[in-house]
């Protein structure tokens, strides 16, 4: 059974596929050339690993490569995808690897779609932004309105699915 927020969210987003042309690579990919070279040949162990950790799994396969679908959920940054990667394309590295997710996209708020920017109190993104790593306050409000994503954002995407107006999305990073 859907709660009220989920119901209205589904009505607002019915049939929409935001950012459908942007290909989000899994976290912990530090050498993009390796990703494009070996990922097409892989058995997609990262997809299975993600499905074991997340109910639906956010890492998907299109038959040629894998990608992250933030419309399903946010990334828990558990590192399981990197642990099972047979070609070393995804690597967790040393201590503190949780904070080293290397996304090819950045999380952004589209002000024209955000109801908080339209002077309606909504703290859904701030409430969900308690981060899987314990880092909070990546979304801060200037006054009562005007949410802003700051440098604390780890790119987990938890806020994307929770936004009732689909105002939070992704854009390609210039300096990856």
C-alpha atoms as a PDB file:
ATOM      1  CA  UNK A   1       0.000   0.000   0.000  1.00  0.00           C
ATOM      2  CA  UNK A   2       1.354   3.401  -0.965  1.00  0.00           C
ATOM      3  CA  UNK A   3       1.528   6.184   1.562  1.00  0.00           C
ATOM      4  CA  UNK A   4       0.316   9.645   0.545  1.00  0.00           C
ATOM      5  CA  UNK A   5       3.756  10.926  -0.496  1.00  0.00           C
ATOM      6  CA  UNK A   6       4.458   7.847  -2.647  1.00  0.00           C
ATOM      7  CA  UNK A   7       1.018   8.141  -4.269  1.00  0.00           C
ATOM      8  CA  UNK A   8       1.485  11.784  -5.309  1.00  0.00           C
ATOM      9  CA  UNK A   9       5.058  11.091  -6.351  1.00  0.00           C
ATOM     10  CA  UNK A  10       3.868   8.335  -8.675  1.00  0.00           C
ATOM     11  CA  UNK A  11       1.232  10.636 -10.198  1.00  0.00           C
ATOM     12  CA  UNK A  12       3.732  13.407 -10.863  1.00  0.00           C
ATOM     13  CA  UNK A  13       6.287  11.056 -12.364  1.00  0.00           C
ATOM     14  CA  UNK A  14       3.998   8.739 -14.317  1.00  0.00           C
ATOM     15  CA  UNK A  15       5.628   7.893 -17.630  1.00  0.00           C
ATOM     16  CA  UNK A  16       8.637  10.135 -17.053  1.00  0.00           C
ATOM     17  CA  UNK A  17      12.156   8.889 -17.418  1.00  0.00           C
ATOM     18  CA  UNK A  18      14.381  11.695 -16.306  1.00  0.00           C
ATOM     19  CA  UNK A  19      17.997  11.754 -17.485  1.00  0.00           C
ATOM     20  CA  UNK A  20      17.413   8.735 -19.697  1.00  0.00           C
ATOM     21  CA  UNK A  21      20.275   9.648 -22.025  1.00  0.00           C
ATOM     22  CA  UNK A  22      22.871   9.887 -19.262  1.00  0.00           C
ATOM     23  CA  UNK A  23      24.830   6.710 -18.617  1.00  0.00           C
ATOM     24  CA  UNK A  24      25.709   6.497 -14.894  1.00  0.00           C
ATOM     25  CA  UNK A  25      28.723   4.278 -14.257  1.00  0.00           C
ATOM     26  CA  UNK A  26      28.967   2.275 -11.022  1.00  0.00           C
ATOM     27  CA  UNK A  27      30.962   3.788  -8.170  1.00  0.00           C
ATOM     28  CA  UNK A  28      34.615   2.958  -7.564  1.00  0.00           C
ATOM     29  CA  UNK A  29      35.595   3.113 -11.237  1.00  0.00           C
ATOM     30  CA  UNK A  30      38.817   5.072 -11.240  1.00  0.00           C
ATOM     31  CA  UNK A  31      40.062   4.124 -14.673  1.00  0.00           C
ATOM     32  CA  UNK A  32      37.337   4.757 -17.241  1.00  0.00           C
ATOM     33  CA  UNK A  33      39.356   3.166 -20.051  1.00  0.00           C
ATOM     34  CA  UNK A  34      39.366  -0.142 -18.135  1.00  0.00           C
ATOM     35  CA  UNK A  35      35.636   0.171 -17.591  1.00  0.00           C
ATOM     36  CA  UNK A  36      34.880   0.519 -21.290  1.00  0.00           C
ATOM     37  CA  UNK A  37      37.427  -2.128 -22.261  1.00  0.00           C
ATOM     38  CA  UNK A  38      36.503  -4.951 -19.860  1.00  0.00           C
ATOM     39  CA  UNK A  39      32.945  -4.272 -18.761  1.00  0.00           C
ATOM     40  CA  UNK A  40      31.463  -5.445 -22.039  1.00  0.00           C
ATOM     41  CA  UNK A  41      33.111  -8.864 -21.648  1.00  0.00           C
ATOM     42  CA  UNK A  42      32.179  -9.383 -17.999  1.00  0.00           C
ATOM     43  CA  UNK A  43      29.592 -11.793 -16.662  1.00  0.00           C
ATOM     44  CA  UNK A  44      28.011  -8.878 -14.730  1.00  0.00           C
ATOM     45  CA  UNK A  45      28.905 -10.114 -11.256  1.00  0.00           C
ATOM     46  CA  UNK A  46      28.394  -6.557  -9.964  1.00  0.00           C
ATOM     47  CA  UNK A  47      24.710  -6.671 -10.998  1.00  0.00           C
ATOM     48  CA  UNK A  48      24.187  -9.843  -8.954  1.00  0.00           C
ATOM     49  CA  UNK A  49      26.125  -8.455  -5.985  1.00  0.00           C
ATOM     50  CA  UNK A  50      24.042  -5.278  -5.985  1.00  0.00           C
ATOM     51  CA  UNK A  51      20.823  -7.295  -6.122  1.00  0.00           C
ATOM     52  CA  UNK A  52      21.920  -9.222  -3.021  1.00  0.00           C
ATOM     53  CA  UNK A  53      22.543  -6.000  -1.064  1.00  0.00           C
ATOM     54  CA  UNK A  54      19.648  -3.892  -2.372  1.00  0.00           C
ATOM     55  CA  UNK A  55      16.167  -5.292  -2.734  1.00  0.00           C
ATOM     56  CA  UNK A  56      15.899  -4.507  -6.458  1.00  0.00           C
ATOM     57  CA  UNK A  57      19.529  -3.668  -7.164  1.00  0.00           C
ATOM     58  CA  UNK A  58      20.450  -0.354  -8.720  1.00  0.00           C
ATOM     59  CA  UNK A  59      23.221  -1.695 -10.936  1.00  0.00           C
ATOM     60  CA  UNK A  60      21.632  -2.893 -14.148  1.00  0.00           C
ATOM     61  CA  UNK A  61      22.902  -4.333 -17.412  1.00  0.00           C
ATOM     62  CA  UNK A  62      21.812  -3.331 -20.902  1.00  0.00           C
ATOM     63  CA  UNK A  63      23.553  -6.317 -22.479  1.00  0.00           C
ATOM     64  CA  UNK A  64      26.670  -4.339 -23.390  1.00  0.00           C
ATOM     65  CA  UNK A  65      27.622  -2.661 -20.169  1.00  0.00           C
ATOM     66  CA  UNK A  66      26.421  -1.957 -16.660  1.00  0.00           C
ATOM     67  CA  UNK A  67      24.966   1.272 -15.346  1.00  0.00           C
ATOM     68  CA  UNK A  68      23.392   2.645 -12.187  1.00  0.00           C
ATOM     69  CA  UNK A  69      19.656   3.389 -12.144  1.00  0.00           C
ATOM     70  CA  UNK A  70      18.943   5.925  -9.394  1.00  0.00           C
ATOM     71  CA  UNK A  71      15.222   5.713 -10.202  1.00  0.00           C
ATOM     72  CA  UNK A  72      15.224   2.357  -8.388  1.00  0.00           C
ATOM     73  CA  UNK A  73      16.985   3.563  -5.224  1.00  0.00           C
ATOM     74  CA  UNK A  74      20.148   5.203  -3.986  1.00  0.00           C
ATOM     75  CA  UNK A  75      23.534   3.521  -3.707  1.00  0.00           C
ATOM     76  CA  UNK A  76      24.487   2.187  -0.293  1.00  0.00           C
ATOM     77  CA  UNK A  77      28.174   2.418  -1.273  1.00  0.00           C
ATOM     78  CA  UNK A  78      28.726  -1.016   0.226  1.00  0.00           C
ATOM     79  CA  UNK A  79      31.559  -1.829  -2.189  1.00  0.00           C
ATOM     80  CA  UNK A  80      30.198  -5.283  -3.064  1.00  0.00           C
ATOM     81  CA  UNK A  81      30.234  -4.441  -6.772  1.00  0.00           C
ATOM     82  CA  UNK A  82      33.934  -3.658  -6.588  1.00  0.00           C
ATOM     83  CA  UNK A  83      34.760  -6.695  -4.451  1.00  0.00           C
ATOM     84  CA  UNK A  84      33.303  -9.112  -7.015  1.00  0.00           C
ATOM     85  CA  UNK A  85      34.679  -7.311 -10.096  1.00  0.00           C
ATOM     86  CA  UNK A  86      36.854  -9.937 -11.852  1.00  0.00           C
ATOM     87  CA  UNK A  87      38.793  -7.472 -13.993  1.00  0.00           C
ATOM     88  CA  UNK A  88      39.685  -4.864 -11.387  1.00  0.00           C
ATOM     89  CA  UNK A  89      37.605  -2.244 -13.178  1.00  0.00           C
ATOM     90  CA  UNK A  90      35.891  -1.320  -9.917  1.00  0.00           C
ATOM     91  CA  UNK A  91      38.218  -1.112  -6.943  1.00  0.00           C
ATOM     92  CA  UNK A  92      37.525  -0.338  -3.316  1.00  0.00           C
ATOM     93  CA  UNK A  93      41.119   0.496  -2.460  1.00  0.00           C
ATOM     94  CA  UNK A  94      42.383   0.871   1.067  1.00  0.00           C
ATOM     95  CA  UNK A  95      40.920   2.100   4.330  1.00  0.00           C
ATOM     96  CA  UNK A  96      38.355   4.843   3.884  1.00  0.00           C
ATOM     97  CA  UNK A  97      37.273   3.536   0.489  1.00  0.00           C
ATOM     98  CA  UNK A  98      33.620   4.284   1.309  1.00  0.00           C
ATOM     99  CA  UNK A  99      34.256   7.976   0.791  1.00  0.00           C
ATOM    100  CA  UNK A 100      36.006   7.436  -2.530  1.00  0.00           C
ATOM    101  CA  UNK A 101      33.058   6.691  -4.799  1.00  0.00           C
ATOM    102  CA  UNK A 102      34.077   8.075  -8.175  1.00  0.00           C
ATOM    103  CA  UNK A 103      30.857   8.970  -9.979  1.00  0.00           C
ATOM    104  CA  UNK A 104      30.766  10.287 -13.526  1.00  0.00           C
ATOM    105  CA  UNK A 105      27.698  12.334 -12.575  1.00  0.00           C
ATOM    106  CA  UNK A 106      26.809  14.939  -9.979  1.00  0.00           C
ATOM    107  CA  UNK A 107      23.516  15.294  -8.112  1.00  0.00           C
ATOM    108  CA  UNK A 108      21.698  18.558  -8.901  1.00  0.00           C
ATOM    109  CA  UNK A 109      18.474  20.302  -7.889  1.00  0.00           C
ATOM    110  CA  UNK A 110      16.435  21.869 -10.669  1.00  0.00           C
ATOM    111  CA  UNK A 111      15.108  25.001  -9.028  1.00  0.00           C
ATOM    112  CA  UNK A 112      12.176  25.439 -11.392  1.00  0.00           C
ATOM    113  CA  UNK A 113      10.791  22.012 -10.385  1.00  0.00           C
ATOM    114  CA  UNK A 114      11.611  22.213  -6.672  1.00  0.00           C
ATOM    115  CA  UNK A 115       8.584  23.177  -4.591  1.00  0.00           C
ATOM    116  CA  UNK A 116      10.818  24.532  -1.826  1.00  0.00           C
ATOM    117  CA  UNK A 117      12.183  27.044  -4.321  1.00  0.00           C
ATOM    118  CA  UNK A 118       8.555  27.976  -5.011  1.00  0.00           C
ATOM    119  CA  UNK A 119       8.079  28.850  -1.302  1.00  0.00           C
ATOM    120  CA  UNK A 120       6.390  25.600  -0.231  1.00  0.00           C
ATOM    121  CA  UNK A 121       7.969  23.954   2.789  1.00  0.00           C
ATOM    122  CA  UNK A 122       9.377  20.611   1.770  1.00  0.00           C
ATOM    123  CA  UNK A 123      12.336  19.006   3.474  1.00  0.00           C
ATOM    124  CA  UNK A 124      12.061  15.572   1.897  1.00  0.00           C
ATOM    125  CA  UNK A 125      15.529  15.694   0.333  1.00  0.00           C
ATOM    126  CA  UNK A 126      17.136  17.000   3.522  1.00  0.00           C
ATOM    127  CA  UNK A 127      15.371  14.353   5.614  1.00  0.00           C
ATOM    128  CA  UNK A 128      16.550  11.493   3.407  1.00  0.00           C
ATOM    129  CA  UNK A 129      20.061  12.913   3.161  1.00  0.00           C
ATOM    130  CA  UNK A 130      21.415  11.204   6.211  1.00  0.00           C
ATOM    131  CA  UNK A 131      23.808   9.355   3.944  1.00  0.00           C
ATOM    132  CA  UNK A 132      24.651   5.719   4.087  1.00  0.00           C
ATOM    133  CA  UNK A 133      28.086   6.628   5.412  1.00  0.00           C
ATOM    134  CA  UNK A 134      26.849   8.767   8.276  1.00  0.00           C
ATOM    135  CA  UNK A 135      27.737  11.987   6.495  1.00  0.00           C
ATOM    136  CA  UNK A 136      24.765  14.284   6.777  1.00  0.00           C
ATOM    137  CA  UNK A 137      23.859  17.793   5.768  1.00  0.00           C
ATOM    138  CA  UNK A 138      24.880  17.367   2.141  1.00  0.00           C
ATOM    139  CA  UNK A 139      21.647  19.185   1.350  1.00  0.00           C
ATOM    140  CA  UNK A 140      21.317  22.425   3.225  1.00  0.00           C
ATOM    141  CA  UNK A 141      18.586  25.021   3.118  1.00  0.00           C
ATOM    142  CA  UNK A 142      19.261  28.702   2.810  1.00  0.00           C
ATOM    143  CA  UNK A 143      16.574  30.108   5.077  1.00  0.00           C
ATOM    144  CA  UNK A 144      13.388  28.059   5.109  1.00  0.00           C
ATOM    145  CA  UNK A 145      13.535  27.511   1.378  1.00  0.00           C
ATOM    146  CA  UNK A 146      16.171  27.132  -1.328  1.00  0.00           C
ATOM    147  CA  UNK A 147      17.832  23.730  -0.879  1.00  0.00           C
ATOM    148  CA  UNK A 148      21.409  23.492  -2.061  1.00  0.00           C
ATOM    149  CA  UNK A 149      23.657  20.457  -2.489  1.00  0.00           C
ATOM    150  CA  UNK A 150      27.044  21.154  -0.953  1.00  0.00           C
ATOM    151  CA  UNK A 151      30.481  19.509  -1.068  1.00  0.00           C
ATOM    152  CA  UNK A 152      29.550  16.898   1.532  1.00  0.00           C
ATOM    153  CA  UNK A 153      27.445  15.094  -1.094  1.00  0.00           C
ATOM    154  CA  UNK A 154      28.830  11.634  -1.786  1.00  0.00           C
ATOM    155  CA  UNK A 155      26.578  11.076  -4.798  1.00  0.00           C
ATOM    156  CA  UNK A 156      24.608   8.171  -3.354  1.00  0.00           C
ATOM    157  CA  UNK A 157      21.407   9.371  -5.047  1.00  0.00           C
ATOM    158  CA  UNK A 158      19.113   8.569  -2.124  1.00  0.00           C
ATOM    159  CA  UNK A 159      17.449  11.968  -2.573  1.00  0.00           C
ATOM    160  CA  UNK A 160      16.571  11.431  -6.246  1.00  0.00           C
ATOM    161  CA  UNK A 161      13.813   8.879  -5.776  1.00  0.00           C
ATOM    162  CA  UNK A 162      12.435  10.611  -2.680  1.00  0.00           C
ATOM    163  CA  UNK A 163      11.806  14.021  -4.286  1.00  0.00           C
ATOM    164  CA  UNK A 164       8.029  14.444  -4.681  1.00  0.00           C
ATOM    165  CA  UNK A 165       8.370  16.695  -7.756  1.00  0.00           C
ATOM    166  CA  UNK A 166      11.255  14.944  -9.506  1.00  0.00           C
ATOM    167  CA  UNK A 167      13.379  18.081  -9.051  1.00  0.00           C
ATOM    168  CA  UNK A 168      16.556  16.235  -8.107  1.00  0.00           C
ATOM    169  CA  UNK A 169      18.494  14.669 -10.912  1.00  0.00           C
ATOM    170  CA  UNK A 170      21.937  14.122 -12.282  1.00  0.00           C
ATOM    171  CA  UNK A 171      24.224  15.863 -14.703  1.00  0.00           C
ATOM    172  CA  UNK A 172      27.479  14.769 -16.207  1.00  0.00           C
ATOM    173  CA  UNK A 173      30.575  15.885 -14.352  1.00  0.00           C
ATOM    174  CA  UNK A 174      33.019  17.946 -16.342  1.00  0.00           C
ATOM    175  CA  UNK A 175      36.100  16.921 -14.364  1.00  0.00           C
ATOM    176  CA  UNK A 176      35.834  13.204 -13.751  1.00  0.00           C
END
